[in-house]
Amino acid sequence: MKITDLVPWRGSGRDVTARSAPIDPMSGLQTEVERAFDNFWRAISYPFAAIDRTSHLDDVRVDVGDNGKEVKVTAELPGISEADIDVSISNGLLTIRGEKKSEYELEENSVLVKERTYGTVERTITLPDGIIADAATATFRNGVLTLTIPKSTEPQAKARRVSVQAG
């Protein structure tokens, strides 16, 4: 059994759901506690990550808004170029992936300090019902990705009765 089978770490990022209620003042604290636990479990599953900083970047931090007509997602992807970003929407899930590549190689004996991180980052977000995925647009400027996903103007049925036929 691998240690990763025992670790309750969500490698694809925390799931964000749309909320219609005001933001709870404790949600920021909860997010930071979850991030601390994720980092703790990540350190156990990747013990050399502190030494080899090419294996993991920080989580993608996002803001998600829904004004009834569209869903707007803003994600921070500092140091990642537009060509190295992949965005997909499938089955109501938005996935943002990015890769920060090393710009140059340092000779092992010439390194005095190496703090910059390189590697991949991914975040998956649950989108609200009624989005029109085919009409989504994205822009990327100064390390910030902004996605706009329109919503259907037709009201979505909350529940639907399904008749059962004798078989």
C-alpha atoms as a PDB file:
ATOM      1  CA  MET A   1       0.000   0.000   0.000  1.00  0.00           C
ATOM      2  CA  LYS A   2       1.310   3.441  -0.956  1.00  0.00           C
ATOM      3  CA  ILE A   3       1.254   6.363   1.458  1.00  0.00           C
ATOM      4  CA  THR A   4      -0.909   8.281  -1.039  1.00  0.00           C
ATOM      5  CA  ASP A   5      -3.674   5.691  -0.512  1.00  0.00           C
ATOM      6  CA  LEU A   6      -3.784   6.686   3.158  1.00  0.00           C
ATOM      7  CA  VAL A   7      -3.555  10.441   2.710  1.00  0.00           C
ATOM      8  CA  PRO A   8      -6.879  12.318   2.625  1.00  0.00           C
ATOM      9  CA  TRP A   9      -5.476  14.947   0.255  1.00  0.00           C
ATOM     10  CA  ARG A  10      -7.488  16.309  -2.626  1.00  0.00           C
ATOM     11  CA  GLY A  11      -4.847  16.662  -5.312  1.00  0.00           C
ATOM     12  CA  SER A  12      -7.054  18.412  -7.838  1.00  0.00           C
ATOM     13  CA  GLY A  13      -7.826  21.351  -5.561  1.00  0.00           C
ATOM     14  CA  ARG A  14     -10.717  22.284  -3.358  1.00  0.00           C
ATOM     15  CA  ASP A  15     -14.155  22.197  -4.889  1.00  0.00           C
ATOM     16  CA  VAL A  16     -15.997  25.510  -4.930  1.00  0.00           C
ATOM     17  CA  THR A  17     -19.763  25.585  -5.235  1.00  0.00           C
ATOM     18  CA  ALA A  18     -21.856  28.606  -6.073  1.00  0.00           C
ATOM     19  CA  ARG A  19     -23.578  30.192  -3.090  1.00  0.00           C
ATOM     20  CA  SER A  20     -26.496  32.537  -3.045  1.00  0.00           C
ATOM     21  CA  ALA A  21     -26.126  33.394   0.650  1.00  0.00           C
ATOM     22  CA  PRO A  22     -23.679  36.049   1.885  1.00  0.00           C
ATOM     23  CA  ILE A  23     -20.155  34.830   2.519  1.00  0.00           C
ATOM     24  CA  ASP A  24     -19.680  33.489   6.030  1.00  0.00           C
ATOM     25  CA  PRO A  25     -16.997  35.454   7.925  1.00  0.00           C
ATOM     26  CA  MET A  26     -15.482  32.154   9.089  1.00  0.00           C
ATOM     27  CA  SER A  27     -15.114  30.783   5.538  1.00  0.00           C
ATOM     28  CA  GLY A  28     -11.737  32.486   5.095  1.00  0.00           C
ATOM     29  CA  LEU A  29     -10.448  30.844   8.251  1.00  0.00           C
ATOM     30  CA  GLN A  30     -11.844  27.489   7.142  1.00  0.00           C
ATOM     31  CA  THR A  31     -10.118  27.840   3.760  1.00  0.00           C
ATOM     32  CA  GLU A  32      -6.775  28.590   5.404  1.00  0.00           C
ATOM     33  CA  VAL A  33      -7.116  25.636   7.807  1.00  0.00           C
ATOM     34  CA  GLU A  34      -7.951  23.341   4.862  1.00  0.00           C
ATOM     35  CA  ARG A  35      -4.933  24.707   2.971  1.00  0.00           C
ATOM     36  CA  ALA A  36      -2.685  24.042   5.982  1.00  0.00           C
ATOM     37  CA  PHE A  37      -3.901  20.441   6.221  1.00  0.00           C
ATOM     38  CA  ASP A  38      -3.510  19.976   2.453  1.00  0.00           C
ATOM     39  CA  ASN A  39       0.076  21.243   2.685  1.00  0.00           C
ATOM     40  CA  PHE A  40       0.752  18.941   5.658  1.00  0.00           C
ATOM     41  CA  TRP A  41      -0.525  15.846   3.823  1.00  0.00           C
ATOM     42  CA  ARG A  42       1.262  16.917   0.641  1.00  0.00           C
ATOM     43  CA  ALA A  43       4.544  17.115   2.585  1.00  0.00           C
ATOM     44  CA  ILE A  44       4.037  13.561   3.833  1.00  0.00           C
ATOM     45  CA  SER A  45       3.169  12.199   0.402  1.00  0.00           C
ATOM     46  CA  TYR A  46       5.986  14.133  -1.301  1.00  0.00           C
ATOM     47  CA  PRO A  47       8.740  14.268   1.344  1.00  0.00           C
ATOM     48  CA  PHE A  48      11.294  15.855  -0.986  1.00  0.00           C
ATOM     49  CA  ALA A  49       8.996  18.626  -2.217  1.00  0.00           C
ATOM     50  CA  ALA A  50      10.671  21.099   0.159  1.00  0.00           C
ATOM     51  CA  ILE A  51      14.028  20.290  -1.432  1.00  0.00           C
ATOM     52  CA  ASP A  52      12.935  19.855  -5.041  1.00  0.00           C
ATOM     53  CA  ARG A  53      10.639  22.803  -5.669  1.00  0.00           C
ATOM     54  CA  THR A  54       9.820  21.654  -9.197  1.00  0.00           C
ATOM     55  CA  SER A  55       7.094  19.237  -8.111  1.00  0.00           C
ATOM     56  CA  HIS A  56       4.343  21.523  -6.860  1.00  0.00           C
ATOM     57  CA  LEU A  57       3.064  25.041  -7.129  1.00  0.00           C
ATOM     58  CA  ASP A  58       0.560  26.599  -4.746  1.00  0.00           C
ATOM     59  CA  ASP A  59      -3.134  26.059  -5.356  1.00  0.00           C
ATOM     60  CA  VAL A  60      -4.912  28.177  -7.930  1.00  0.00           C
ATOM     61  CA  ARG A  61      -6.773  30.860  -6.018  1.00  0.00           C
ATOM     62  CA  VAL A  62     -10.118  31.782  -7.538  1.00  0.00           C
ATOM     63  CA  ASP A  63     -13.053  34.133  -7.164  1.00  0.00           C
ATOM     64  CA  VAL A  64     -16.400  32.849  -8.472  1.00  0.00           C
ATOM     65  CA  GLY A  65     -19.382  35.130  -9.039  1.00  0.00           C
ATOM     66  CA  ASP A  66     -22.882  34.532 -10.394  1.00  0.00           C
ATOM     67  CA  ASN A  67     -25.070  37.515 -11.310  1.00  0.00           C
ATOM     68  CA  GLY A  68     -27.888  35.383 -12.728  1.00  0.00           C
ATOM     69  CA  LYS A  69     -26.926  36.048 -16.358  1.00  0.00           C
ATOM     70  CA  GLU A  70     -23.388  34.697 -16.271  1.00  0.00           C
ATOM     71  CA  VAL A  71     -20.822  33.057 -14.048  1.00  0.00           C
ATOM     72  CA  LYS A  72     -17.497  34.846 -13.789  1.00  0.00           C
ATOM     73  CA  VAL A  73     -14.405  32.991 -12.571  1.00  0.00           C
ATOM     74  CA  THR A  74     -11.163  34.850 -11.923  1.00  0.00           C
ATOM     75  CA  ALA A  75      -8.052  32.759 -11.240  1.00  0.00           C
ATOM     76  CA  GLU A  76      -4.527  33.798 -10.278  1.00  0.00           C
ATOM     77  CA  LEU A  77      -1.855  32.060 -12.373  1.00  0.00           C
ATOM     78  CA  PRO A  78       1.294  34.133 -11.745  1.00  0.00           C
ATOM     79  CA  GLY A  79       4.361  33.262 -13.770  1.00  0.00           C
ATOM     80  CA  ILE A  80       2.461  30.996 -16.161  1.00  0.00           C
ATOM     81  CA  SER A  81       2.264  31.945 -19.827  1.00  0.00           C
ATOM     82  CA  GLU A  82      -0.997  31.933 -21.788  1.00  0.00           C
ATOM     83  CA  ALA A  83       0.236  29.053 -23.969  1.00  0.00           C
ATOM     84  CA  ASP A  84       0.701  26.840 -20.891  1.00  0.00           C
ATOM     85  CA  ILE A  85      -2.878  27.209 -19.607  1.00  0.00           C
ATOM     86  CA  ASP A  86      -5.593  24.639 -20.330  1.00  0.00           C
ATOM     87  CA  VAL A  87      -9.233  25.318 -19.454  1.00  0.00           C
ATOM     88  CA  SER A  88     -12.032  22.782 -19.894  1.00  0.00           C
ATOM     89  CA  ILE A  89     -15.686  22.471 -18.901  1.00  0.00           C
ATOM     90  CA  SER A  90     -17.171  18.994 -18.658  1.00  0.00           C
ATOM     91  CA  ASN A  91     -20.274  17.731 -16.846  1.00  0.00           C
ATOM     92  CA  GLY A  92     -20.671  20.948 -14.867  1.00  0.00           C
ATOM     93  CA  LEU A  93     -17.028  21.006 -13.756  1.00  0.00           C
ATOM     94  CA  LEU A  94     -14.559  23.720 -14.719  1.00  0.00           C
ATOM     95  CA  THR A  95     -10.936  22.561 -14.706  1.00  0.00           C
ATOM     96  CA  ILE A  96      -8.051  25.018 -14.907  1.00  0.00           C
ATOM     97  CA  ARG A  97      -4.559  23.596 -15.470  1.00  0.00           C
ATOM     98  CA  GLY A  98      -1.308  25.459 -15.845  1.00  0.00           C
ATOM     99  CA  GLU A  99       2.369  24.686 -16.097  1.00  0.00           C
ATOM    100  CA  LYS A 100       5.185  26.985 -15.062  1.00  0.00           C
ATOM    101  CA  LYS A 101       8.328  26.006 -16.908  1.00  0.00           C
ATOM    102  CA  SER A 102      11.881  26.719 -15.871  1.00  0.00           C
ATOM    103  CA  GLU A 103      13.339  29.525 -17.945  1.00  0.00           C
ATOM    104  CA  TYR A 104      16.911  28.319 -17.686  1.00  0.00           C
ATOM    105  CA  GLU A 105      18.980  25.619 -16.063  1.00  0.00           C
ATOM    106  CA  LEU A 106      21.451  26.387 -13.303  1.00  0.00           C
ATOM    107  CA  GLU A 107      24.571  24.357 -12.874  1.00  0.00           C
ATOM    108  CA  GLU A 108      24.359  22.451  -9.584  1.00  0.00           C
ATOM    109  CA  ASN A 109      27.525  23.992  -8.123  1.00  0.00           C
ATOM    110  CA  SER A 110      26.538  27.547  -9.116  1.00  0.00           C
ATOM    111  CA  VAL A 111      23.243  27.659  -7.178  1.00  0.00           C
ATOM    112  CA  LEU A 112      23.354  29.972  -4.169  1.00  0.00           C
ATOM    113  CA  VAL A 113      19.615  30.253  -3.565  1.00  0.00           C
ATOM    114  CA  LYS A 114      16.832  28.445  -5.403  1.00  0.00           C
ATOM    115  CA  GLU A 115      13.381  29.475  -4.170  1.00  0.00           C
ATOM    116  CA  ARG A 116      11.364  29.806  -7.382  1.00  0.00           C
ATOM    117  CA  THR A 117       8.926  26.998  -8.054  1.00  0.00           C
ATOM    118  CA  TYR A 118       8.192  25.237 -11.312  1.00  0.00           C
ATOM    119  CA  GLY A 119       5.684  22.570 -12.130  1.00  0.00           C
ATOM    120  CA  THR A 120       1.984  22.123 -12.718  1.00  0.00           C
ATOM    121  CA  VAL A 121      -1.093  23.399 -10.970  1.00  0.00           C
ATOM    122  CA  GLU A 122      -4.728  22.353 -11.323  1.00  0.00           C
ATOM    123  CA  ARG A 123      -8.063  23.426  -9.865  1.00  0.00           C
ATOM    124  CA  THR A 124     -11.540  21.979 -10.444  1.00  0.00           C
ATOM    125  CA  ILE A 125     -14.648  23.992  -9.624  1.00  0.00           C
ATOM    126  CA  THR A 126     -18.288  22.886  -9.621  1.00  0.00           C
ATOM    127  CA  LEU A 127     -20.326  25.285 -11.740  1.00  0.00           C
ATOM    128  CA  PRO A 128     -23.977  26.128 -11.058  1.00  0.00           C
ATOM    129  CA  ASP A 129     -26.753  24.612 -13.166  1.00  0.00           C
ATOM    130  CA  GLY A 130     -27.874  26.316 -16.360  1.00  0.00           C
ATOM    131  CA  ILE A 131     -24.501  27.348 -17.773  1.00  0.00           C
ATOM    132  CA  ILE A 132     -23.864  27.396 -21.525  1.00  0.00           C
ATOM    133  CA  ALA A 133     -20.399  25.831 -21.696  1.00  0.00           C
ATOM    134  CA  ASP A 134     -20.071  26.260 -25.477  1.00  0.00           C
ATOM    135  CA  ALA A 135     -20.348  30.044 -25.126  1.00  0.00           C
ATOM    136  CA  ALA A 136     -17.647  30.409 -22.453  1.00  0.00           C
ATOM    137  CA  THR A 137     -14.895  32.954 -23.078  1.00  0.00           C
ATOM    138  CA  ALA A 138     -11.532  33.464 -21.387  1.00  0.00           C
ATOM    139  CA  THR A 139      -8.979  36.248 -21.218  1.00  0.00           C
ATOM    140  CA  PHE A 140      -5.534  36.218 -19.627  1.00  0.00           C
ATOM    141  CA  ARG A 141      -3.722  39.364 -18.554  1.00  0.00           C
ATOM    142  CA  ASN A 142      -0.944  40.007 -16.037  1.00  0.00           C
ATOM    143  CA  GLY A 143      -1.163  36.515 -14.552  1.00  0.00           C
ATOM    144  CA  VAL A 144      -4.941  36.637 -14.051  1.00  0.00           C
ATOM    145  CA  LEU A 145      -7.298  34.359 -15.993  1.00  0.00           C
ATOM    146  CA  THR A 146     -10.884  35.620 -16.321  1.00  0.00           C
ATOM    147  CA  LEU A 147     -13.585  33.256 -17.559  1.00  0.00           C
ATOM    148  CA  THR A 148     -17.108  34.345 -18.417  1.00  0.00           C
ATOM    149  CA  ILE A 149     -19.677  31.569 -18.778  1.00  0.00           C
ATOM    150  CA  PRO A 150     -23.194  32.660 -19.799  1.00  0.00           C
ATOM    151  CA  LYS A 151     -26.251  31.102 -18.207  1.00  0.00           C
ATOM    152  CA  SER A 152     -29.415  30.005 -19.964  1.00  0.00           C
ATOM    153  CA  THR A 153     -32.237  32.548 -19.857  1.00  0.00           C
ATOM    154  CA  GLU A 154     -34.777  29.732 -19.670  1.00  0.00           C
ATOM    155  CA  PRO A 155     -35.645  28.717 -16.118  1.00  0.00           C
ATOM    156  CA  GLN A 156     -34.243  25.360 -15.143  1.00  0.00           C
ATOM    157  CA  ALA A 157     -36.626  22.890 -13.545  1.00  0.00           C
ATOM    158  CA  LYS A 158     -35.590  22.139  -9.984  1.00  0.00           C
ATOM    159  CA  ALA A 159     -37.315  18.763 -10.017  1.00  0.00           C
ATOM    160  CA  ARG A 160     -38.928  16.632 -12.644  1.00  0.00           C
ATOM    161  CA  ARG A 161     -41.350  13.781 -12.142  1.00  0.00           C
ATOM    162  CA  VAL A 162     -40.361  10.625 -14.009  1.00  0.00           C
ATOM    163  CA  SER A 163     -43.139   8.189 -14.798  1.00  0.00           C
ATOM    164  CA  VAL A 164     -42.482   4.507 -14.314  1.00  0.00           C
ATOM    165  CA  GLN A 165     -43.647   2.126 -17.022  1.00  0.00           C
ATOM    166  CA  ALA A 166     -44.417  -1.530 -16.505  1.00  0.00           C
ATOM    167  CA  GLY A 167     -41.653  -3.504 -17.980  1.00  0.00           C
END
